[in-house]
Amino acid sequence: MSRRKVGRLRRELEALRAGKYSLKTSELVNFAGRVGRTRDLTRGKEPTYKNFRFPSLNPLSIPGHPTINPFTANSILDVLESDLDRWDDWLEEEEKKKAREKKELAKEGESSDEPNGKDKKLSQ
């Protein structure tokens, strides 16, 4: 997942939120899949979707009815939005980690260019 994809998913989420009065279950299930949720078959009667990338996130139940109550749809969209927030946090952590590694590699490169004490003694 990239920042660009997260941004595109956020715009799509807003479009879904605008049409919450006519949302279908399939639209929510498809969007949940794009956010990283997959169906968890080990849970009760209602279809439940779990984010296996971030197991700390709560499971999400999406009713299997043809149409969904707008208030229920809004609640589901709120959970999916929090998933996108978690993706943003993860991407930020990854960027910081890469920047830190790049900085450490640059430091190692600088220190290997400088002769150490042993090399000075050998050349004299």
C-alpha atoms as a PDB file:
ATOM      1  CA  MET A   1       0.000   0.000   0.000  1.00  0.00           C
ATOM      2  CA  SER A   2       1.305   3.444  -0.865  1.00  0.00           C
ATOM      3  CA  ARG A   3       0.303   6.971   0.114  1.00  0.00           C
ATOM      4  CA  ARG A   4      -1.148   7.435  -3.328  1.00  0.00           C
ATOM      5  CA  LYS A   5      -3.391   4.391  -2.931  1.00  0.00           C
ATOM      6  CA  VAL A   6      -4.483   5.501   0.543  1.00  0.00           C
ATOM      7  CA  GLY A   7      -5.432   8.905  -0.882  1.00  0.00           C
ATOM      8  CA  ARG A   8      -7.434   7.280  -3.654  1.00  0.00           C
ATOM      9  CA  LEU A   9      -9.191   5.036  -1.114  1.00  0.00           C
ATOM     10  CA  ARG A  10     -10.039   8.083   1.022  1.00  0.00           C
ATOM     11  CA  ARG A  11     -11.684   9.772  -1.964  1.00  0.00           C
ATOM     12  CA  GLU A  12     -13.616   6.594  -2.678  1.00  0.00           C
ATOM     13  CA  LEU A  13     -14.659   6.420   0.978  1.00  0.00           C
ATOM     14  CA  GLU A  14     -16.082   9.927   0.751  1.00  0.00           C
ATOM     15  CA  ALA A  15     -18.042   8.911  -2.353  1.00  0.00           C
ATOM     16  CA  LEU A  16     -19.421   5.893  -0.493  1.00  0.00           C
ATOM     17  CA  ARG A  17     -20.297   8.105   2.465  1.00  0.00           C
ATOM     18  CA  ALA A  18     -22.178  10.492   0.156  1.00  0.00           C
ATOM     19  CA  GLY A  19     -24.261   7.592  -1.145  1.00  0.00           C
ATOM     20  CA  LYS A  20     -24.876   5.908   2.202  1.00  0.00           C
ATOM     21  CA  TYR A  21     -28.638   5.895   1.666  1.00  0.00           C
ATOM     22  CA  SER A  22     -28.325   3.517  -1.281  1.00  0.00           C
ATOM     23  CA  LEU A  23     -25.261   1.448  -0.366  1.00  0.00           C
ATOM     24  CA  LYS A  24     -25.192  -2.248  -1.103  1.00  0.00           C
ATOM     25  CA  THR A  25     -23.429  -4.857   0.957  1.00  0.00           C
ATOM     26  CA  SER A  26     -21.218  -5.805  -1.978  1.00  0.00           C
ATOM     27  CA  GLU A  27     -19.866  -2.245  -2.230  1.00  0.00           C
ATOM     28  CA  LEU A  28     -18.864  -2.241   1.433  1.00  0.00           C
ATOM     29  CA  VAL A  29     -17.350  -5.734   1.234  1.00  0.00           C
ATOM     30  CA  ASN A  30     -15.318  -4.780  -1.856  1.00  0.00           C
ATOM     31  CA  PHE A  31     -14.065  -1.605  -0.189  1.00  0.00           C
ATOM     32  CA  ALA A  32     -13.191  -3.501   2.990  1.00  0.00           C
ATOM     33  CA  GLY A  33     -11.136  -5.897   0.877  1.00  0.00           C
ATOM     34  CA  ARG A  34      -9.222  -3.027  -0.738  1.00  0.00           C
ATOM     35  CA  VAL A  35      -8.464  -1.613   2.720  1.00  0.00           C
ATOM     36  CA  GLY A  36      -6.984  -4.950   3.742  1.00  0.00           C
ATOM     37  CA  ARG A  37      -9.805  -6.818   5.425  1.00  0.00           C
ATOM     38  CA  THR A  38     -10.657 -10.404   4.614  1.00  0.00           C
ATOM     39  CA  ARG A  39     -13.572 -12.509   5.704  1.00  0.00           C
ATOM     40  CA  ASP A  40     -13.039 -14.345   8.971  1.00  0.00           C
ATOM     41  CA  LEU A  41     -14.902 -17.645   8.772  1.00  0.00           C
ATOM     42  CA  THR A  42     -14.204 -18.582  12.392  1.00  0.00           C
ATOM     43  CA  ARG A  43     -16.725 -16.110  13.801  1.00  0.00           C
ATOM     44  CA  GLY A  44     -20.499 -16.231  14.396  1.00  0.00           C
ATOM     45  CA  LYS A  45     -23.488 -15.877  12.106  1.00  0.00           C
ATOM     46  CA  GLU A  46     -22.921 -12.387  10.719  1.00  0.00           C
ATOM     47  CA  PRO A  47     -20.170 -12.042   8.083  1.00  0.00           C
ATOM     48  CA  THR A  48     -17.099 -10.671   9.864  1.00  0.00           C
ATOM     49  CA  TYR A  49     -14.024  -9.114   8.303  1.00  0.00           C
ATOM     50  CA  LYS A  50     -10.650  -8.940   9.989  1.00  0.00           C
ATOM     51  CA  ASN A  51      -7.571  -6.983   9.072  1.00  0.00           C
ATOM     52  CA  PHE A  52      -4.756  -9.534   9.096  1.00  0.00           C
ATOM     53  CA  ARG A  53      -2.101  -6.872   8.413  1.00  0.00           C
ATOM     54  CA  PHE A  54      -3.041  -5.114  11.664  1.00  0.00           C
ATOM     55  CA  PRO A  55      -4.451  -7.757  14.025  1.00  0.00           C
ATOM     56  CA  SER A  56      -4.916  -5.200  16.808  1.00  0.00           C
ATOM     57  CA  LEU A  57      -7.824  -3.649  14.881  1.00  0.00           C
ATOM     58  CA  ASN A  58     -11.269  -4.845  15.889  1.00  0.00           C
ATOM     59  CA  PRO A  59     -13.164  -7.233  13.596  1.00  0.00           C
ATOM     60  CA  LEU A  60     -15.841  -5.607  11.450  1.00  0.00           C
ATOM     61  CA  SER A  61     -19.285  -7.090  10.863  1.00  0.00           C
ATOM     62  CA  ILE A  62     -20.915  -6.198   7.568  1.00  0.00           C
ATOM     63  CA  PRO A  63     -24.526  -7.432   7.437  1.00  0.00           C
ATOM     64  CA  GLY A  64     -25.321  -9.803   4.597  1.00  0.00           C
ATOM     65  CA  HIS A  65     -28.581  -8.044   3.695  1.00  0.00           C
ATOM     66  CA  PRO A  66     -29.068  -6.682   0.163  1.00  0.00           C
ATOM     67  CA  THR A  67     -29.312  -3.091   1.433  1.00  0.00           C
ATOM     68  CA  ILE A  68     -27.924  -1.579   4.589  1.00  0.00           C
ATOM     69  CA  ASN A  69     -29.430   0.955   6.965  1.00  0.00           C
ATOM     70  CA  PRO A  70     -27.698   4.334   6.407  1.00  0.00           C
ATOM     71  CA  PHE A  71     -26.731   4.576  10.077  1.00  0.00           C
ATOM     72  CA  THR A  72     -25.165   1.116   9.984  1.00  0.00           C
ATOM     73  CA  ALA A  73     -23.374   2.018   6.755  1.00  0.00           C
ATOM     74  CA  ASN A  74     -22.023   5.190   8.360  1.00  0.00           C
ATOM     75  CA  SER A  75     -20.713   3.193  11.316  1.00  0.00           C
ATOM     76  CA  ILE A  76     -19.011   0.676   9.000  1.00  0.00           C
ATOM     77  CA  LEU A  77     -17.468   3.511   6.974  1.00  0.00           C
ATOM     78  CA  ASP A  78     -16.128   5.050  10.200  1.00  0.00           C
ATOM     79  CA  VAL A  79     -14.337   1.790  11.011  1.00  0.00           C
ATOM     80  CA  LEU A  80     -12.931   1.579   7.479  1.00  0.00           C
ATOM     81  CA  GLU A  81     -11.735   5.173   7.781  1.00  0.00           C
ATOM     82  CA  SER A  82      -9.880   4.268  10.973  1.00  0.00           C
ATOM     83  CA  ASP A  83      -8.256   1.433   8.990  1.00  0.00           C
ATOM     84  CA  LEU A  84      -7.016   4.005   6.484  1.00  0.00           C
ATOM     85  CA  ASP A  85      -5.680   6.094   9.368  1.00  0.00           C
ATOM     86  CA  ARG A  86      -3.765   3.039  10.571  1.00  0.00           C
ATOM     87  CA  TRP A  87      -2.323   2.563   7.073  1.00  0.00           C
ATOM     88  CA  ASP A  88      -1.200   6.219   7.125  1.00  0.00           C
ATOM     89  CA  ASP A  89       0.528   5.669  10.466  1.00  0.00           C
ATOM     90  CA  TRP A  90       2.230   2.512   9.198  1.00  0.00           C
ATOM     91  CA  LEU A  91       3.419   4.248   6.025  1.00  0.00           C
ATOM     92  CA  GLU A  92       4.810   7.117   8.097  1.00  0.00           C
ATOM     93  CA  GLU A  93       6.686   4.660  10.340  1.00  0.00           C
ATOM     94  CA  GLU A  94       8.114   2.891   7.276  1.00  0.00           C
ATOM     95  CA  GLU A  95       9.265   6.193   5.763  1.00  0.00           C
ATOM     96  CA  LYS A  96      10.981   7.159   9.013  1.00  0.00           C
ATOM     97  CA  LYS A  97      12.635   3.751   9.214  1.00  0.00           C
ATOM     98  CA  LYS A  98      13.932   4.038   5.632  1.00  0.00           C
ATOM     99  CA  ALA A  99      15.216   7.560   6.268  1.00  0.00           C
ATOM    100  CA  ARG A 100      16.981   6.389   9.429  1.00  0.00           C
ATOM    101  CA  GLU A 101      18.579   3.454   7.566  1.00  0.00           C
ATOM    102  CA  LYS A 102      19.662   5.744   4.755  1.00  0.00           C
ATOM    103  CA  LYS A 103      21.203   8.136   7.264  1.00  0.00           C
ATOM    104  CA  GLU A 104      23.065   5.275   8.992  1.00  0.00           C
ATOM    105  CA  LEU A 105      24.388   4.023   5.655  1.00  0.00           C
ATOM    106  CA  ALA A 106      25.589   7.517   4.812  1.00  0.00           C
ATOM    107  CA  LYS A 107      27.379   7.720   8.192  1.00  0.00           C
ATOM    108  CA  GLU A 108      29.034   4.351   7.595  1.00  0.00           C
ATOM    109  CA  GLY A 109      30.112   5.498   4.141  1.00  0.00           C
ATOM    110  CA  GLU A 110      31.715   8.643   5.560  1.00  0.00           C
ATOM    111  CA  SER A 111      33.517   6.800   8.338  1.00  0.00           C
ATOM    112  CA  SER A 112      34.925   4.179   5.939  1.00  0.00           C
ATOM    113  CA  ASP A 113      36.384   6.933   3.742  1.00  0.00           C
ATOM    114  CA  GLU A 114      38.436   8.311   6.623  1.00  0.00           C
ATOM    115  CA  PRO A 115      41.627   6.399   7.370  1.00  0.00           C
ATOM    116  CA  ASN A 116      41.756   4.919  10.849  1.00  0.00           C
ATOM    117  CA  GLY A 117      44.750   4.973  13.165  1.00  0.00           C
ATOM    118  CA  LYS A 118      46.159   1.622  12.020  1.00  0.00           C
ATOM    119  CA  ASP A 119      46.314   2.676   8.379  1.00  0.00           C
ATOM    120  CA  LYS A 120      48.233   5.835   9.284  1.00  0.00           C
ATOM    121  CA  LYS A 121      50.878   3.868  11.156  1.00  0.00           C
ATOM    122  CA  LEU A 122      51.314   1.400   8.314  1.00  0.00           C
ATOM    123  CA  SER A 123      51.799   4.103   5.703  1.00  0.00           C
ATOM    124  CA  GLN A 124      54.509   5.901   7.719  1.00  0.00           C
END
